[in-house]
Amino acid sequence: MTTEHAPNGTLPADIDSAVIRSLAQMISRDPGSITTQTRFFEDLSFDSTSVLELLMQLETDLGVEFDVETLEPADFDTVGALVAYVARQSEAGA
């Protein structure tokens, strides 16, 4: 992973902790209880509305706009899969 800055100044290496922090805040959960292996639907009981809410929160927190046309269901398998998607979007917008 490169050290280029994302649009808001977040380094790509920090995206995982930023996603976890935003997610934890959204669901009122300790960030330490969420890992990149945490599954959205099975572990966190997410639904499609929760996914959209998280994406809006991440756009605000990270200063990245997501193109819903590029989202795949696999991007929401785990927190790590979403982190990879966010990193790709951050690099595309840099």
PDB file of N, CA and C in Angstrom:
ATOM      1  N   MET A   1       0.845  -1.175   0.000  1.00  0.00           N
ATOM      2  CA  MET A   1       0.000   0.000   0.000  1.00  0.00           C
ATOM      3  C   MET A   1       0.889   1.236   0.000  1.00  0.00           C
ATOM      4  N   THR A   2       0.500   2.217  -0.753  1.00  0.00           N
ATOM      5  CA  THR A   2       1.295   3.432  -0.865  1.00  0.00           C
ATOM      6  C   THR A   2       1.019   4.356   0.303  1.00  0.00           C
ATOM      7  N   THR A   3       1.803   5.416   0.374  1.00  0.00           N
ATOM      8  CA  THR A   3       1.586   6.394   1.436  1.00  0.00           C
ATOM      9  C   THR A   3       0.974   7.671   0.891  1.00  0.00           C
ATOM     10  N   GLU A   4       0.318   7.573  -0.277  1.00  0.00           N
ATOM     11  CA  GLU A   4      -0.372   8.747  -0.810  1.00  0.00           C
ATOM     12  C   GLU A   4      -1.525   9.112   0.111  1.00  0.00           C
ATOM     13  N   HIS A   5      -1.815  10.393   0.152  1.00  0.00           N
ATOM     14  CA  HIS A   5      -2.908  10.857   1.004  1.00  0.00           C
ATOM     15  C   HIS A   5      -4.237  10.729   0.290  1.00  0.00           C
ATOM     16  N   ALA A   6      -5.230  10.283   1.019  1.00  0.00           N
ATOM     17  CA  ALA A   6      -6.596  10.297   0.527  1.00  0.00           C
ATOM     18  C   ALA A   6      -7.062  11.751   0.530  1.00  0.00           C
ATOM     19  N   PRO A   7      -8.195  12.056  -0.087  1.00  0.00           N
ATOM     20  CA  PRO A   7      -8.643  13.443  -0.198  1.00  0.00           C
ATOM     21  C   PRO A   7      -8.714  14.198   1.122  1.00  0.00           C
ATOM     22  N   ASN A   8      -9.010  13.542   2.218  1.00  0.00           N
ATOM     23  CA  ASN A   8      -9.127  14.258   3.483  1.00  0.00           C
ATOM     24  C   ASN A   8      -7.842  14.211   4.292  1.00  0.00           C
ATOM     25  N   GLY A   9      -6.778  13.626   3.737  1.00  0.00           N
ATOM     26  CA  GLY A   9      -5.518  13.559   4.444  1.00  0.00           C
ATOM     27  C   GLY A   9      -5.287  12.253   5.170  1.00  0.00           C
ATOM     28  N   THR A  10      -6.260  11.341   5.176  1.00  0.00           N
ATOM     29  CA  THR A  10      -6.076  10.047   5.807  1.00  0.00           C
ATOM     30  C   THR A  10      -5.151   9.211   4.945  1.00  0.00           C
ATOM     31  N   LEU A  11      -4.165   8.600   5.565  1.00  0.00           N
ATOM     32  CA  LEU A  11      -3.294   7.705   4.824  1.00  0.00           C
ATOM     33  C   LEU A  11      -4.006   6.380   4.603  1.00  0.00           C
ATOM     34  N   PRO A  12      -3.780   5.744   3.439  1.00  0.00           N
ATOM     35  CA  PRO A  12      -4.430   4.454   3.201  1.00  0.00           C
ATOM     36  C   PRO A  12      -4.186   3.436   4.307  1.00  0.00           C
ATOM     37  N   ALA A  13      -3.040   3.442   4.938  1.00  0.00           N
ATOM     38  CA  ALA A  13      -2.757   2.497   6.020  1.00  0.00           C
ATOM     39  C   ALA A  13      -3.694   2.709   7.204  1.00  0.00           C
ATOM     40  N   ASP A  14      -4.282   3.879   7.332  1.00  0.00           N
ATOM     41  CA  ASP A  14      -5.171   4.194   8.439  1.00  0.00           C
ATOM     42  C   ASP A  14      -6.642   3.901   8.135  1.00  0.00           C
ATOM     43  N   ILE A  15      -6.925   3.466   6.937  1.00  0.00           N
ATOM     44  CA  ILE A  15      -8.316   3.273   6.548  1.00  0.00           C
ATOM     45  C   ILE A  15      -8.981   2.199   7.388  1.00  0.00           C
ATOM     46  N   ASP A  16      -8.264   1.121   7.692  1.00  0.00           N
ATOM     47  CA  ASP A  16      -8.900   0.062   8.474  1.00  0.00           C
ATOM     48  C   ASP A  16      -9.354   0.569   9.833  1.00  0.00           C
ATOM     49  N   SER A  17      -8.502   1.311  10.517  1.00  0.00           N
ATOM     50  CA  SER A  17      -8.908   1.819  11.831  1.00  0.00           C
ATOM     51  C   SER A  17     -10.000   2.873  11.704  1.00  0.00           C
ATOM     52  N   ALA A  18      -9.978   3.671  10.634  1.00  0.00           N
ATOM     53  CA  ALA A  18     -11.010   4.687  10.428  1.00  0.00           C
ATOM     54  C   ALA A  18     -12.363   4.032  10.154  1.00  0.00           C
ATOM     55  N   VAL A  19     -12.377   2.971   9.353  1.00  0.00           N
ATOM     56  CA  VAL A  19     -13.625   2.266   9.061  1.00  0.00           C
ATOM     57  C   VAL A  19     -14.162   1.628  10.335  1.00  0.00           C
ATOM     58  N   ILE A  20     -13.292   0.978  11.091  1.00  0.00           N
ATOM     59  CA  ILE A  20     -13.717   0.340  12.340  1.00  0.00           C
ATOM     60  C   ILE A  20     -14.239   1.378  13.324  1.00  0.00           C
ATOM     61  N   ARG A  21     -13.559   2.508  13.418  1.00  0.00           N
ATOM     62  CA  ARG A  21     -13.985   3.575  14.331  1.00  0.00           C
ATOM     63  C   ARG A  21     -15.372   4.100  13.946  1.00  0.00           C
ATOM     64  N   SER A  22     -15.580   4.358  12.661  1.00  0.00           N
ATOM     65  CA  SER A  22     -16.881   4.850  12.188  1.00  0.00           C
ATOM     66  C   SER A  22     -17.976   3.821  12.417  1.00  0.00           C
ATOM     67  N   LEU A  23     -17.669   2.573  12.127  1.00  0.00           N
ATOM     68  CA  LEU A  23     -18.627   1.498  12.324  1.00  0.00           C
ATOM     69  C   LEU A  23     -18.989   1.355  13.798  1.00  0.00           C
ATOM     70  N   ALA A  24     -17.987   1.363  14.651  1.00  0.00           N
ATOM     71  CA  ALA A  24     -18.222   1.221  16.090  1.00  0.00           C
ATOM     72  C   ALA A  24     -19.089   2.354  16.620  1.00  0.00           C
ATOM     73  N   GLN A  25     -18.813   3.567  16.158  1.00  0.00           N
ATOM     74  CA  GLN A  25     -19.610   4.718  16.593  1.00  0.00           C
ATOM     75  C   GLN A  25     -21.054   4.564  16.117  1.00  0.00           C
ATOM     76  N   MET A  26     -21.219   4.120  14.889  1.00  0.00           N
ATOM     77  CA  MET A  26     -22.560   3.989  14.327  1.00  0.00           C
ATOM     78  C   MET A  26     -23.406   2.972  15.091  1.00  0.00           C
ATOM     79  N   ILE A  27     -22.799   1.866  15.512  1.00  0.00           N
ATOM     80  CA  ILE A  27     -23.569   0.812  16.182  1.00  0.00           C
ATOM     81  C   ILE A  27     -23.366   0.821  17.695  1.00  0.00           C
ATOM     82  N   SER A  28     -22.737   1.873  18.211  1.00  0.00           N
ATOM     83  CA  SER A  28     -22.504   2.031  19.651  1.00  0.00           C
ATOM     84  C   SER A  28     -21.825   0.790  20.246  1.00  0.00           C
ATOM     85  N   ARG A  29     -20.690   0.466  19.675  1.00  0.00           N
ATOM     86  CA  ARG A  29     -19.944  -0.715  20.095  1.00  0.00           C
ATOM     87  C   ARG A  29     -18.479  -0.344  20.275  1.00  0.00           C
ATOM     88  N   ASP A  30     -17.785  -1.050  21.143  1.00  0.00           N
ATOM     89  CA  ASP A  30     -16.366  -0.822  21.375  1.00  0.00           C
ATOM     90  C   ASP A  30     -15.584  -1.180  20.118  1.00  0.00           C
ATOM     91  N   PRO A  31     -14.758  -0.251  19.602  1.00  0.00           N
ATOM     92  CA  PRO A  31     -13.972  -0.554  18.396  1.00  0.00           C
ATOM     93  C   PRO A  31     -13.083  -1.789  18.558  1.00  0.00           C
ATOM     94  N   GLY A  32     -12.654  -2.072  19.782  1.00  0.00           N
ATOM     95  CA  GLY A  32     -11.814  -3.234  20.020  1.00  0.00           C
ATOM     96  C   GLY A  32     -12.534  -4.555  19.792  1.00  0.00           C
ATOM     97  N   SER A  33     -13.863  -4.506  19.740  1.00  0.00           N
ATOM     98  CA  SER A  33     -14.630  -5.733  19.522  1.00  0.00           C
ATOM     99  C   SER A  33     -14.875  -6.001  18.040  1.00  0.00           C
ATOM    100  N   ILE A  34     -14.367  -5.121  17.171  1.00  0.00           N
ATOM    101  CA  ILE A  34     -14.570  -5.254  15.728  1.00  0.00           C
ATOM    102  C   ILE A  34     -13.206  -5.473  15.078  1.00  0.00           C
ATOM    103  N   THR A  35     -13.111  -6.492  14.234  1.00  0.00           N
ATOM    104  CA  THR A  35     -11.874  -6.764  13.504  1.00  0.00           C
ATOM    105  C   THR A  35     -12.165  -6.772  12.013  1.00  0.00           C
ATOM    106  N   THR A  36     -11.134  -6.912  11.219  1.00  0.00           N
ATOM    107  CA  THR A  36     -11.341  -6.981   9.773  1.00  0.00           C
ATOM    108  C   THR A  36     -12.049  -8.276   9.369  1.00  0.00           C
ATOM    109  N   GLN A  37     -12.096  -9.264  10.270  1.00  0.00           N
ATOM    110  CA  GLN A  37     -12.810 -10.512   9.987  1.00  0.00           C
ATOM    111  C   GLN A  37     -14.283 -10.460  10.408  1.00  0.00           C
ATOM    112  N   THR A  38     -14.694  -9.399  11.083  1.00  0.00           N
ATOM    113  CA  THR A  38     -16.090  -9.265  11.512  1.00  0.00           C
ATOM    114  C   THR A  38     -16.983  -9.216  10.277  1.00  0.00           C
ATOM    115  N   ARG A  39     -18.028 -10.022  10.286  1.00  0.00           N
ATOM    116  CA  ARG A  39     -18.968 -10.094   9.170  1.00  0.00           C
ATOM    117  C   ARG A  39     -20.158  -9.175   9.444  1.00  0.00           C
ATOM    118  N   PHE A  40     -20.514  -8.391   8.456  1.00  0.00           N
ATOM    119  CA  PHE A  40     -21.584  -7.410   8.627  1.00  0.00           C
ATOM    120  C   PHE A  40     -22.933  -8.062   8.920  1.00  0.00           C
ATOM    121  N   PHE A  41     -23.325  -9.014   8.105  1.00  0.00           N
ATOM    122  CA  PHE A  41     -24.669  -9.560   8.210  1.00  0.00           C
ATOM    123  C   PHE A  41     -24.770 -10.613   9.315  1.00  0.00           C
ATOM    124  N   GLU A  42     -23.789 -11.492   9.405  1.00  0.00           N
ATOM    125  CA  GLU A  42     -23.846 -12.564  10.391  1.00  0.00           C
ATOM    126  C   GLU A  42     -23.483 -12.095  11.798  1.00  0.00           C
ATOM    127  N   ASP A  43     -22.436 -11.288  11.925  1.00  0.00           N
ATOM    128  CA  ASP A  43     -21.943 -10.881  13.247  1.00  0.00           C
ATOM    129  C   ASP A  43     -22.589  -9.605  13.778  1.00  0.00           C
ATOM    130  N   LEU A  44     -22.911  -8.681  12.884  1.00  0.00           N
ATOM    131  CA  LEU A  44     -23.430  -7.378  13.311  1.00  0.00           C
ATOM    132  C   LEU A  44     -24.910  -7.191  12.997  1.00  0.00           C
ATOM    133  N   SER A  45     -25.526  -8.184  12.401  1.00  0.00           N
ATOM    134  CA  SER A  45     -26.955  -8.144  12.055  1.00  0.00           C
ATOM    135  C   SER A  45     -27.307  -6.943  11.179  1.00  0.00           C
ATOM    136  N   PHE A  46     -26.428  -6.627  10.232  1.00  0.00           N
ATOM    137  CA  PHE A  46     -26.693  -5.526   9.310  1.00  0.00           C
ATOM    138  C   PHE A  46     -27.772  -5.920   8.323  1.00  0.00           C
ATOM    139  N   ASP A  47     -28.451  -4.897   7.785  1.00  0.00           N
ATOM    140  CA  ASP A  47     -29.367  -5.075   6.675  1.00  0.00           C
ATOM    141  C   ASP A  47     -29.008  -4.015   5.634  1.00  0.00           C
ATOM    142  N   SER A  48     -29.750  -3.957   4.550  1.00  0.00           N
ATOM    143  CA  SER A  48     -29.391  -3.026   3.478  1.00  0.00           C
ATOM    144  C   SER A  48     -29.433  -1.571   3.937  1.00  0.00           C
ATOM    145  N   THR A  49     -30.348  -1.239   4.823  1.00  0.00           N
ATOM    146  CA  THR A  49     -30.421   0.124   5.354  1.00  0.00           C
ATOM    147  C   THR A  49     -29.180   0.450   6.180  1.00  0.00           C
ATOM    148  N   SER A  50     -28.720  -0.492   6.979  1.00  0.00           N
ATOM    149  CA  SER A  50     -27.511  -0.296   7.788  1.00  0.00           C
ATOM    150  C   SER A  50     -26.292  -0.075   6.896  1.00  0.00           C
ATOM    151  N   VAL A  51     -26.226  -0.816   5.805  1.00  0.00           N
ATOM    152  CA  VAL A  51     -25.115  -0.682   4.862  1.00  0.00           C
ATOM    153  C   VAL A  51     -25.096   0.732   4.285  1.00  0.00           C
ATOM    154  N   LEU A  52     -26.241   1.221   3.853  1.00  0.00           N
ATOM    155  CA  LEU A  52     -26.312   2.579   3.294  1.00  0.00           C
ATOM    156  C   LEU A  52     -25.938   3.628   4.337  1.00  0.00           C
ATOM    157  N   GLU A  53     -26.412   3.443   5.550  1.00  0.00           N
ATOM    158  CA  GLU A  53     -26.089   4.370   6.633  1.00  0.00           C
ATOM    159  C   GLU A  53     -24.579   4.393   6.893  1.00  0.00           C
ATOM    160  N   LEU A  54     -23.957   3.217   6.895  1.00  0.00           N
ATOM    161  CA  LEU A  54     -22.511   3.150   7.100  1.00  0.00           C
ATOM    162  C   LEU A  54     -21.768   3.831   5.963  1.00  0.00           C
ATOM    163  N   LEU A  55     -22.183   3.607   4.737  1.00  0.00           N
ATOM    164  CA  LEU A  55     -21.520   4.257   3.601  1.00  0.00           C
ATOM    165  C   LEU A  55     -21.608   5.777   3.704  1.00  0.00           C
ATOM    166  N   MET A  56     -22.755   6.295   4.085  1.00  0.00           N
ATOM    167  CA  MET A  56     -22.901   7.744   4.248  1.00  0.00           C
ATOM    168  C   MET A  56     -21.997   8.250   5.370  1.00  0.00           C
ATOM    169  N   GLN A  57     -21.918   7.494   6.463  1.00  0.00           N
ATOM    170  CA  GLN A  57     -21.052   7.875   7.571  1.00  0.00           C
ATOM    171  C   GLN A  57     -19.586   7.884   7.137  1.00  0.00           C
ATOM    172  N   LEU A  58     -19.177   6.870   6.381  1.00  0.00           N
ATOM    173  CA  LEU A  58     -17.792   6.799   5.915  1.00  0.00           C
ATOM    174  C   LEU A  58     -17.478   7.924   4.936  1.00  0.00           C
ATOM    175  N   GLU A  59     -18.425   8.263   4.085  1.00  0.00           N
ATOM    176  CA  GLU A  59     -18.206   9.386   3.173  1.00  0.00           C
ATOM    177  C   GLU A  59     -17.935  10.659   3.963  1.00  0.00           C
ATOM    178  N   THR A  60     -18.697  10.875   5.017  1.00  0.00           N
ATOM    179  CA  THR A  60     -18.506  12.051   5.858  1.00  0.00           C
ATOM    180  C   THR A  60     -17.177  11.990   6.601  1.00  0.00           C
ATOM    181  N   ASP A  61     -16.907  10.852   7.236  1.00  0.00           N
ATOM    182  CA  ASP A  61     -15.714  10.722   8.066  1.00  0.00           C
ATOM    183  C   ASP A  61     -14.417  10.723   7.268  1.00  0.00           C
ATOM    184  N   LEU A  62     -14.429  10.104   6.079  1.00  0.00           N
ATOM    185  CA  LEU A  62     -13.199   9.952   5.306  1.00  0.00           C
ATOM    186  C   LEU A  62     -13.077  10.933   4.149  1.00  0.00           C
ATOM    187  N   GLY A  63     -14.150  11.645   3.847  1.00  0.00           N
ATOM    188  CA  GLY A  63     -14.096  12.591   2.742  1.00  0.00           C
ATOM    189  C   GLY A  63     -13.988  11.910   1.394  1.00  0.00           C
ATOM    190  N   VAL A  64     -14.594  10.737   1.279  1.00  0.00           N
ATOM    191  CA  VAL A  64     -14.562   9.958   0.042  1.00  0.00           C
ATOM    192  C   VAL A  64     -15.985   9.808  -0.451  1.00  0.00           C
ATOM    193  N   GLU A  65     -16.181   9.929  -1.758  1.00  0.00           N
ATOM    194  CA  GLU A  65     -17.500   9.667  -2.320  1.00  0.00           C
ATOM    195  C   GLU A  65     -17.473   8.293  -2.959  1.00  0.00           C
ATOM    196  N   PHE A  66     -18.469   7.489  -2.643  1.00  0.00           N
ATOM    197  CA  PHE A  66     -18.546   6.150  -3.194  1.00  0.00           C
ATOM    198  C   PHE A  66     -19.461   6.130  -4.399  1.00  0.00           C
ATOM    199  N   ASP A  67     -19.030   5.434  -5.421  1.00  0.00           N
ATOM    200  CA  ASP A  67     -19.846   5.234  -6.611  1.00  0.00           C
ATOM    201  C   ASP A  67     -20.583   3.922  -6.420  1.00  0.00           C
ATOM    202  N   VAL A  68     -21.880   3.988  -6.171  1.00  0.00           N
ATOM    203  CA  VAL A  68     -22.651   2.786  -5.884  1.00  0.00           C
ATOM    204  C   VAL A  68     -22.614   1.789  -7.042  1.00  0.00           C
ATOM    205  N   GLU A  69     -22.297   2.271  -8.222  1.00  0.00           N
ATOM    206  CA  GLU A  69     -22.179   1.379  -9.389  1.00  0.00           C
ATOM    207  C   GLU A  69     -21.008   0.417  -9.229  1.00  0.00           C
ATOM    208  N   THR A  70     -20.015   0.783  -8.411  1.00  0.00           N
ATOM    209  CA  THR A  70     -18.829  -0.057  -8.242  1.00  0.00           C
ATOM    210  C   THR A  70     -18.947  -1.007  -7.055  1.00  0.00           C
ATOM    211  N   LEU A  71     -19.990  -0.859  -6.255  1.00  0.00           N
ATOM    212  CA  LEU A  71     -20.173  -1.723  -5.085  1.00  0.00           C
ATOM    213  C   LEU A  71     -20.644  -3.107  -5.496  1.00  0.00           C
ATOM    214  N   GLU A  72     -20.054  -4.101  -4.888  1.00  0.00           N
ATOM    215  CA  GLU A  72     -20.449  -5.488  -5.094  1.00  0.00           C
ATOM    216  C   GLU A  72     -20.877  -6.068  -3.748  1.00  0.00           C
ATOM    217  N   PRO A  73     -21.770  -7.039  -3.732  1.00  0.00           N
ATOM    218  CA  PRO A  73     -22.153  -7.670  -2.460  1.00  0.00           C
ATOM    219  C   PRO A  73     -20.942  -8.176  -1.668  1.00  0.00           C
ATOM    220  N   ALA A  74     -19.922  -8.647  -2.349  1.00  0.00           N
ATOM    221  CA  ALA A  74     -18.723  -9.159  -1.668  1.00  0.00           C
ATOM    222  C   ALA A  74     -17.998  -8.073  -0.881  1.00  0.00           C
ATOM    223  N   ASP A  75     -18.213  -6.800  -1.234  1.00  0.00           N
ATOM    224  CA  ASP A  75     -17.577  -5.700  -0.511  1.00  0.00           C
ATOM    225  C   ASP A  75     -18.109  -5.590   0.915  1.00  0.00           C
ATOM    226  N   PHE A  76     -19.199  -6.283   1.209  1.00  0.00           N
ATOM    227  CA  PHE A  76     -19.793  -6.252   2.544  1.00  0.00           C
ATOM    228  C   PHE A  76     -19.772  -7.614   3.225  1.00  0.00           C
ATOM    229  N   ASP A  77     -18.914  -8.516   2.732  1.00  0.00           N
ATOM    230  CA  ASP A  77     -18.762  -9.813   3.402  1.00  0.00           C
ATOM    231  C   ASP A  77     -18.195  -9.623   4.796  1.00  0.00           C
ATOM    232  N   THR A  78     -17.107  -8.848   4.872  1.00  0.00           N
ATOM    233  CA  THR A  78     -16.433  -8.602   6.150  1.00  0.00           C
ATOM    234  C   THR A  78     -16.008  -7.138   6.212  1.00  0.00           C
ATOM    235  N   VAL A  79     -15.611  -6.710   7.393  1.00  0.00           N
ATOM    236  CA  VAL A  79     -15.075  -5.352   7.547  1.00  0.00           C
ATOM    237  C   VAL A  79     -13.839  -5.195   6.664  1.00  0.00           C
ATOM    238  N   GLY A  80     -13.009  -6.229   6.598  1.00  0.00           N
ATOM    239  CA  GLY A  80     -11.802  -6.173   5.762  1.00  0.00           C
ATOM    240  C   GLY A  80     -12.121  -5.983   4.295  1.00  0.00           C
ATOM    241  N   ALA A  81     -13.184  -6.617   3.810  1.00  0.00           N
ATOM    242  CA  ALA A  81     -13.589  -6.445   2.415  1.00  0.00           C
ATOM    243  C   ALA A  81     -14.024  -5.005   2.167  1.00  0.00           C
ATOM    244  N   LEU A  82     -14.728  -4.417   3.121  1.00  0.00           N
ATOM    245  CA  LEU A  82     -15.142  -3.020   2.978  1.00  0.00           C
ATOM    246  C   LEU A  82     -13.933  -2.090   3.047  1.00  0.00           C
ATOM    247  N   VAL A  83     -12.977  -2.399   3.913  1.00  0.00           N
ATOM    248  CA  VAL A  83     -11.750  -1.603   3.997  1.00  0.00           C
ATOM    249  C   VAL A  83     -11.035  -1.609   2.642  1.00  0.00           C
ATOM    250  N   ALA A  84     -10.957  -2.772   2.001  1.00  0.00           N
ATOM    251  CA  ALA A  84     -10.313  -2.862   0.690  1.00  0.00           C
ATOM    252  C   ALA A  84     -11.053  -2.011  -0.341  1.00  0.00           C
ATOM    253  N   TYR A  85     -12.380  -2.039  -0.303  1.00  0.00           N
ATOM    254  CA  TYR A  85     -13.181  -1.219  -1.208  1.00  0.00           C
ATOM    255  C   TYR A  85     -12.928   0.276  -0.951  1.00  0.00           C
ATOM    256  N   VAL A  86     -12.951   0.676   0.304  1.00  0.00           N
ATOM    257  CA  VAL A  86     -12.716   2.082   0.662  1.00  0.00           C
ATOM    258  C   VAL A  86     -11.319   2.511   0.204  1.00  0.00           C
ATOM    259  N   ALA A  87     -10.326   1.652   0.371  1.00  0.00           N
ATOM    260  CA  ALA A  87      -8.968   1.971  -0.054  1.00  0.00           C
ATOM    261  C   ALA A  87      -8.920   2.173  -1.570  1.00  0.00           C
ATOM    262  N   ARG A  88      -9.593   1.314  -2.311  1.00  0.00           N
ATOM    263  CA  ARG A  88      -9.633   1.466  -3.781  1.00  0.00           C
ATOM    264  C   ARG A  88     -10.286   2.786  -4.156  1.00  0.00           C
ATOM    265  N   GLN A  89     -11.390   3.120  -3.498  1.00  0.00           N
ATOM    266  CA  GLN A  89     -12.091   4.367  -3.794  1.00  0.00           C
ATOM    267  C   GLN A  89     -11.255   5.583  -3.405  1.00  0.00           C
ATOM    268  N   SER A  90     -10.534   5.489  -2.307  1.00  0.00           N
ATOM    269  CA  SER A  90      -9.676   6.599  -1.857  1.00  0.00           C
ATOM    270  C   SER A  90      -8.565   6.843  -2.868  1.00  0.00           C
ATOM    271  N   GLU A  91      -7.975   5.756  -3.367  1.00  0.00           N
ATOM    272  CA  GLU A  91      -6.899   5.889  -4.337  1.00  0.00           C
ATOM    273  C   GLU A  91      -7.438   6.436  -5.655  1.00  0.00           C
ATOM    274  N   ALA A  92      -8.634   6.023  -6.049  1.00  0.00           N
ATOM    275  CA  ALA A  92      -9.225   6.495  -7.287  1.00  0.00           C
ATOM    276  C   ALA A  92      -9.529   7.988  -7.224  1.00  0.00           C
ATOM    277  N   GLY A  93      -9.867   8.480  -6.034  1.00  0.00           N
ATOM    278  CA  GLY A  93     -10.216   9.894  -5.878  1.00  0.00           C
ATOM    279  C   GLY A  93      -9.039  10.779  -5.548  1.00  0.00           C
ATOM    280  N   ALA A  94      -7.856  10.172  -5.323  1.00  0.00           N
ATOM    281  CA  ALA A  94      -6.672  10.955  -4.939  1.00  0.00           C
ATOM    282  C   ALA A  94      -6.108  11.733  -6.088  1.00  0.00           C
TER     283      ALA A  94
END
